[in-house]
C-alpha atoms as a PDB file:
ATOM      1  CA  ASP A   1     119.462 104.829  96.511  1.00  0.00           C
ATOM      2  CA  VAL A   2     121.055 101.810  96.373  1.00  0.00           C
ATOM      3  CA  SER A   3     122.945 102.812  99.921  1.00  0.00           C
ATOM      4  CA  ASN A   4     119.750 103.685 101.339  1.00  0.00           C
ATOM      5  CA  ALA A   5     119.501  99.688 102.659  1.00  0.00           C
ATOM      6  CA  CYS A   6     122.854 100.803 103.811  1.00  0.00           C
ATOM      7  CA  LYS A   7     122.000 103.580 106.426  1.00  0.00           C
ATOM      8  CA  PRO A   8     120.601 103.470 110.218  1.00  0.00           C
ATOM      9  CA  LEU A   9     117.132 101.916 110.550  1.00  0.00           C
ATOM     10  CA  ARG A  10     115.251 105.595 111.316  1.00  0.00           C
ATOM     11  CA  VAL A  11     117.137 106.783 108.150  1.00  0.00           C
ATOM     12  CA  TYR A  12     116.351 104.076 106.131  1.00  0.00           C
ATOM     13  CA  LEU A  13     112.611 103.664 107.059  1.00  0.00           C
ATOM     14  CA  PHE A  14     112.331 108.023 106.193  1.00  0.00           C
ATOM     15  CA  TRP A  15     113.328 107.275 102.559  1.00  0.00           C
ATOM     16  CA  THR A  16     111.405 104.502 102.318  1.00  0.00           C
ATOM     17  CA  GLU A  17     108.274 106.196 103.255  1.00  0.00           C
ATOM     18  CA  SER A  18     109.585 108.903 101.114  1.00  0.00           C
ATOM     19  CA  ILE A  19     109.715 107.324  97.716  1.00  0.00           C
ATOM     20  CA  LEU A  20     106.980 104.999  98.240  1.00  0.00           C
ATOM     21  CA  GLU A  21     105.517 108.641  98.868  1.00  0.00           C
ATOM     22  CA  GLU A  22     106.707 109.657  95.358  1.00  0.00           C
ATOM     23  CA  PHE A  23     105.446 106.470  93.690  1.00  0.00           C
ATOM     24  CA  TYR A  24     101.719 106.845  95.235  1.00  0.00           C
ATOM     25  CA  ASP A  25     101.481 110.266  94.090  1.00  0.00           C
ATOM     26  CA  GLN A  26     102.037 109.212  90.474  1.00  0.00           C
ATOM     27  CA  GLY A  27      99.626 106.520  90.686  1.00  0.00           C
ATOM     28  CA  ASP A  28      97.516 109.179  92.491  1.00  0.00           C
ATOM     29  CA  GLU A  29      97.806 111.570  89.374  1.00  0.00           C
ATOM     30  CA  GLU A  30      97.264 108.486  86.956  1.00  0.00           C
ATOM     31  CA  ALA A  31      93.912 107.932  88.223  1.00  0.00           C
ATOM     32  CA  ARG A  32      92.845 111.471  88.412  1.00  0.00           C
ATOM     33  CA  ARG A  33      93.779 111.589  84.954  1.00  0.00           C
ATOM     34  CA  GLY A  34      91.533 108.334  84.048  1.00  0.00           C
ATOM     35  CA  LEU A  35      94.639 106.359  82.775  1.00  0.00           C
ATOM     36  CA  PRO A  36      94.898 103.242  84.289  1.00  0.00           C
ATOM     37  CA  VAL A  37      97.909 102.863  87.515  1.00  0.00           C
ATOM     38  CA  THR A  38     100.651 101.629  86.849  1.00  0.00           C
ATOM     39  CA  SER A  39     100.810  98.302  87.259  1.00  0.00           C
ATOM     40  CA  VAL A  40     103.416  97.724  90.087  1.00  0.00           C
ATOM     41  CA  PRO A  41     102.197  97.759  93.878  1.00  0.00           C
ATOM     42  CA  GLN A  42     104.336 101.003  94.897  1.00  0.00           C
ATOM     43  CA  CYS A  43     102.029 103.281  92.801  1.00  0.00           C
ATOM     44  CA  ASP A  44      98.969 102.047  94.175  1.00  0.00           C
ATOM     45  CA  ARG A  45      98.272 103.560  97.343  1.00  0.00           C
ATOM     46  CA  ARG A  46      96.070 101.045  98.308  1.00  0.00           C
ATOM     47  CA  SER A  47      98.529  98.062  97.841  1.00  0.00           C
ATOM     48  CA  ARG A  48     100.376  98.575 101.105  1.00  0.00           C
ATOM     49  CA  ALA A  49     100.678  94.974 102.144  1.00  0.00           C
ATOM     50  CA  TRP A  50     103.720  94.387  99.699  1.00  0.00           C
ATOM     51  CA  ILE A  51     106.389  96.948 101.220  1.00  0.00           C
ATOM     52  CA  SER A  52     108.111  94.268 103.111  1.00  0.00           C
ATOM     53  CA  ARG A  53     108.113  92.032  99.772  1.00  0.00           C
ATOM     54  CA  GLY A  54     109.240  94.435  97.941  1.00  0.00           C
ATOM     55  CA  GLN A  55     111.917  96.119 100.183  1.00  0.00           C
ATOM     56  CA  LYS A  56     113.736  92.437 101.036  1.00  0.00           C
ATOM     57  CA  ALA A  57     113.256  92.562  97.034  1.00  0.00           C
ATOM     58  CA  PHE A  58     115.058  95.149  96.592  1.00  0.00           C
ATOM     59  CA  ILE A  59     117.864  94.870  99.200  1.00  0.00           C
ATOM     60  CA  GLY A  60     118.559  91.274  97.695  1.00  0.00           C
ATOM     61  CA  LEU A  61     118.021  91.910  94.030  1.00  0.00           C
ATOM     62  CA  VAL A  62     119.327  94.792  93.518  1.00  0.00           C
ATOM     63  CA  ALA A  63     121.042  96.609  96.798  1.00  0.00           C
ATOM     64  CA  LYS A  64     122.864  93.679  97.689  1.00  0.00           C
ATOM     65  CA  PRO A  65     124.812  92.714  94.036  1.00  0.00           C
ATOM     66  CA  THR A  66     125.225  95.870  93.877  1.00  0.00           C
ATOM     67  CA  LEU A  67     127.349  97.028  96.932  1.00  0.00           C
ATOM     68  CA  GLU A  68     128.802  93.219  96.459  1.00  0.00           C
ATOM     69  CA  ALA A  69     130.284  94.343  93.237  1.00  0.00           C
ATOM     70  CA  LEU A  70     131.644  97.905  94.088  1.00  0.00           C
ATOM     71  CA  ASP A  71     133.249  96.535  97.129  1.00  0.00           C
ATOM     72  CA  ALA A  72     134.883  94.061  94.985  1.00  0.00           C
ATOM     73  CA  PHE A  73     136.503  96.669  92.700  1.00  0.00           C
ATOM     74  CA  ALA A  74     137.116  98.967  95.707  1.00  0.00           C
ATOM     75  CA  GLN A  75     139.389  95.926  97.550  1.00  0.00           C
ATOM     76  CA  ALA A  76     140.986  94.666  94.052  1.00  0.00           C
ATOM     77  CA  ASN A  77     141.875  98.407  93.265  1.00  0.00           C
ATOM     78  CA  ALA A  78     143.098  99.354  96.628  1.00  0.00           C
ATOM     79  CA  GLY A  79     146.434 101.262  95.866  1.00  0.00           C
ATOM     80  CA  THR A  80     145.333 101.634  92.611  1.00  0.00           C
ATOM     81  CA  VAL A  81     143.000 104.909  92.811  1.00  0.00           C
ATOM     82  CA  ASN A  82     142.711 107.704  95.105  1.00  0.00           C
ATOM     83  CA  SER A  83     141.449 105.053  98.567  1.00  0.00           C
ATOM     84  CA  ARG A  84     141.250 105.975 101.963  1.00  0.00           C
ATOM     85  CA  GLY A  85     141.515 103.059 103.188  1.00  0.00           C
ATOM     86  CA  PRO A  86     140.300  99.470 103.027  1.00  0.00           C
ATOM     87  CA  ALA A  87     136.198  99.125 100.891  1.00  0.00           C
ATOM     88  CA  LEU A  88     134.145  99.997 103.603  1.00  0.00           C
ATOM     89  CA  GLY A  89     132.577  96.386 103.037  1.00  0.00           C
ATOM     90  CA  ALA A  90     128.912  97.780 102.695  1.00  0.00           C
ATOM     91  CA  ALA A  91     127.739  95.130 101.294  1.00  0.00           C
ATOM     92  CA  ASP A  92     128.427  93.257 104.940  1.00  0.00           C
ATOM     93  CA  GLY A  93     125.987  95.635 106.404  1.00  0.00           C
ATOM     94  CA  LEU A  94     122.816  94.542 104.173  1.00  0.00           C
ATOM     95  CA  ALA A  95     122.699  90.920 106.207  1.00  0.00           C
ATOM     96  CA  GLN A  96     121.066  92.998 108.831  1.00  0.00           C
ATOM     97  CA  GLY A  97     119.271  94.976 106.164  1.00  0.00           C
ATOM     98  CA  VAL A  98     117.317  92.043 104.485  1.00  0.00           C
ATOM     99  CA  GLY A  99     116.280  91.086 107.822  1.00  0.00           C
ATOM    100  CA  LEU A 100     114.666  94.433 107.834  1.00  0.00           C
ATOM    101  CA  SER A 101     111.069  92.923 106.397  1.00  0.00           C
ATOM    102  CA  SER A 102     109.607  92.254 109.392  1.00  0.00           C
ATOM    103  CA  THR A 103     110.519  94.592 111.763  1.00  0.00           C
ATOM    104  CA  ALA A 104     111.341  97.802 109.215  1.00  0.00           C
ATOM    105  CA  ALA A 105     108.455  97.159 107.100  1.00  0.00           C
ATOM    106  CA  ALA A 106     106.219  96.686 109.874  1.00  0.00           C
ATOM    107  CA  GLY A 107     107.663  99.817 111.558  1.00  0.00           C
ATOM    108  CA  THR A 108     106.607 101.430 107.641  1.00  0.00           C
ATOM    109  CA  GLU A 109     103.622 100.291 107.467  1.00  0.00           C
ATOM    110  CA  ALA A 110     102.222 100.872 110.935  1.00  0.00           C
ATOM    111  CA  GLY A 111     103.903 104.130 110.901  1.00  0.00           C
ATOM    112  CA  ALA A 112     101.343 104.919 107.567  1.00  0.00           C
ATOM    113  CA  ALA A 113      98.610 103.694 109.005  1.00  0.00           C
END
């Protein structure tokens, strides 16, 4: 969920852990069946060190650009669609999200250890 990066830290961390567990389950099932574990690190339960880099990349490369585009669309179409006021400016809140690499990821990695 792209909007996860805009949610309060405790909610963000909960959903990050949830999606990681889903990815790990996939990797575990692949290993159980004797298949190679999907080559992306999030499917290998043993490679948790990448979490902070992965979240920072997801926010910077996926969430922020998507929300900026949606924000621009809402700004450009204010009054022409069923709008309840100005665009939320969700991308603005991502400035804090990108900085989560040390704080949030540390909490995520520590909580899973």
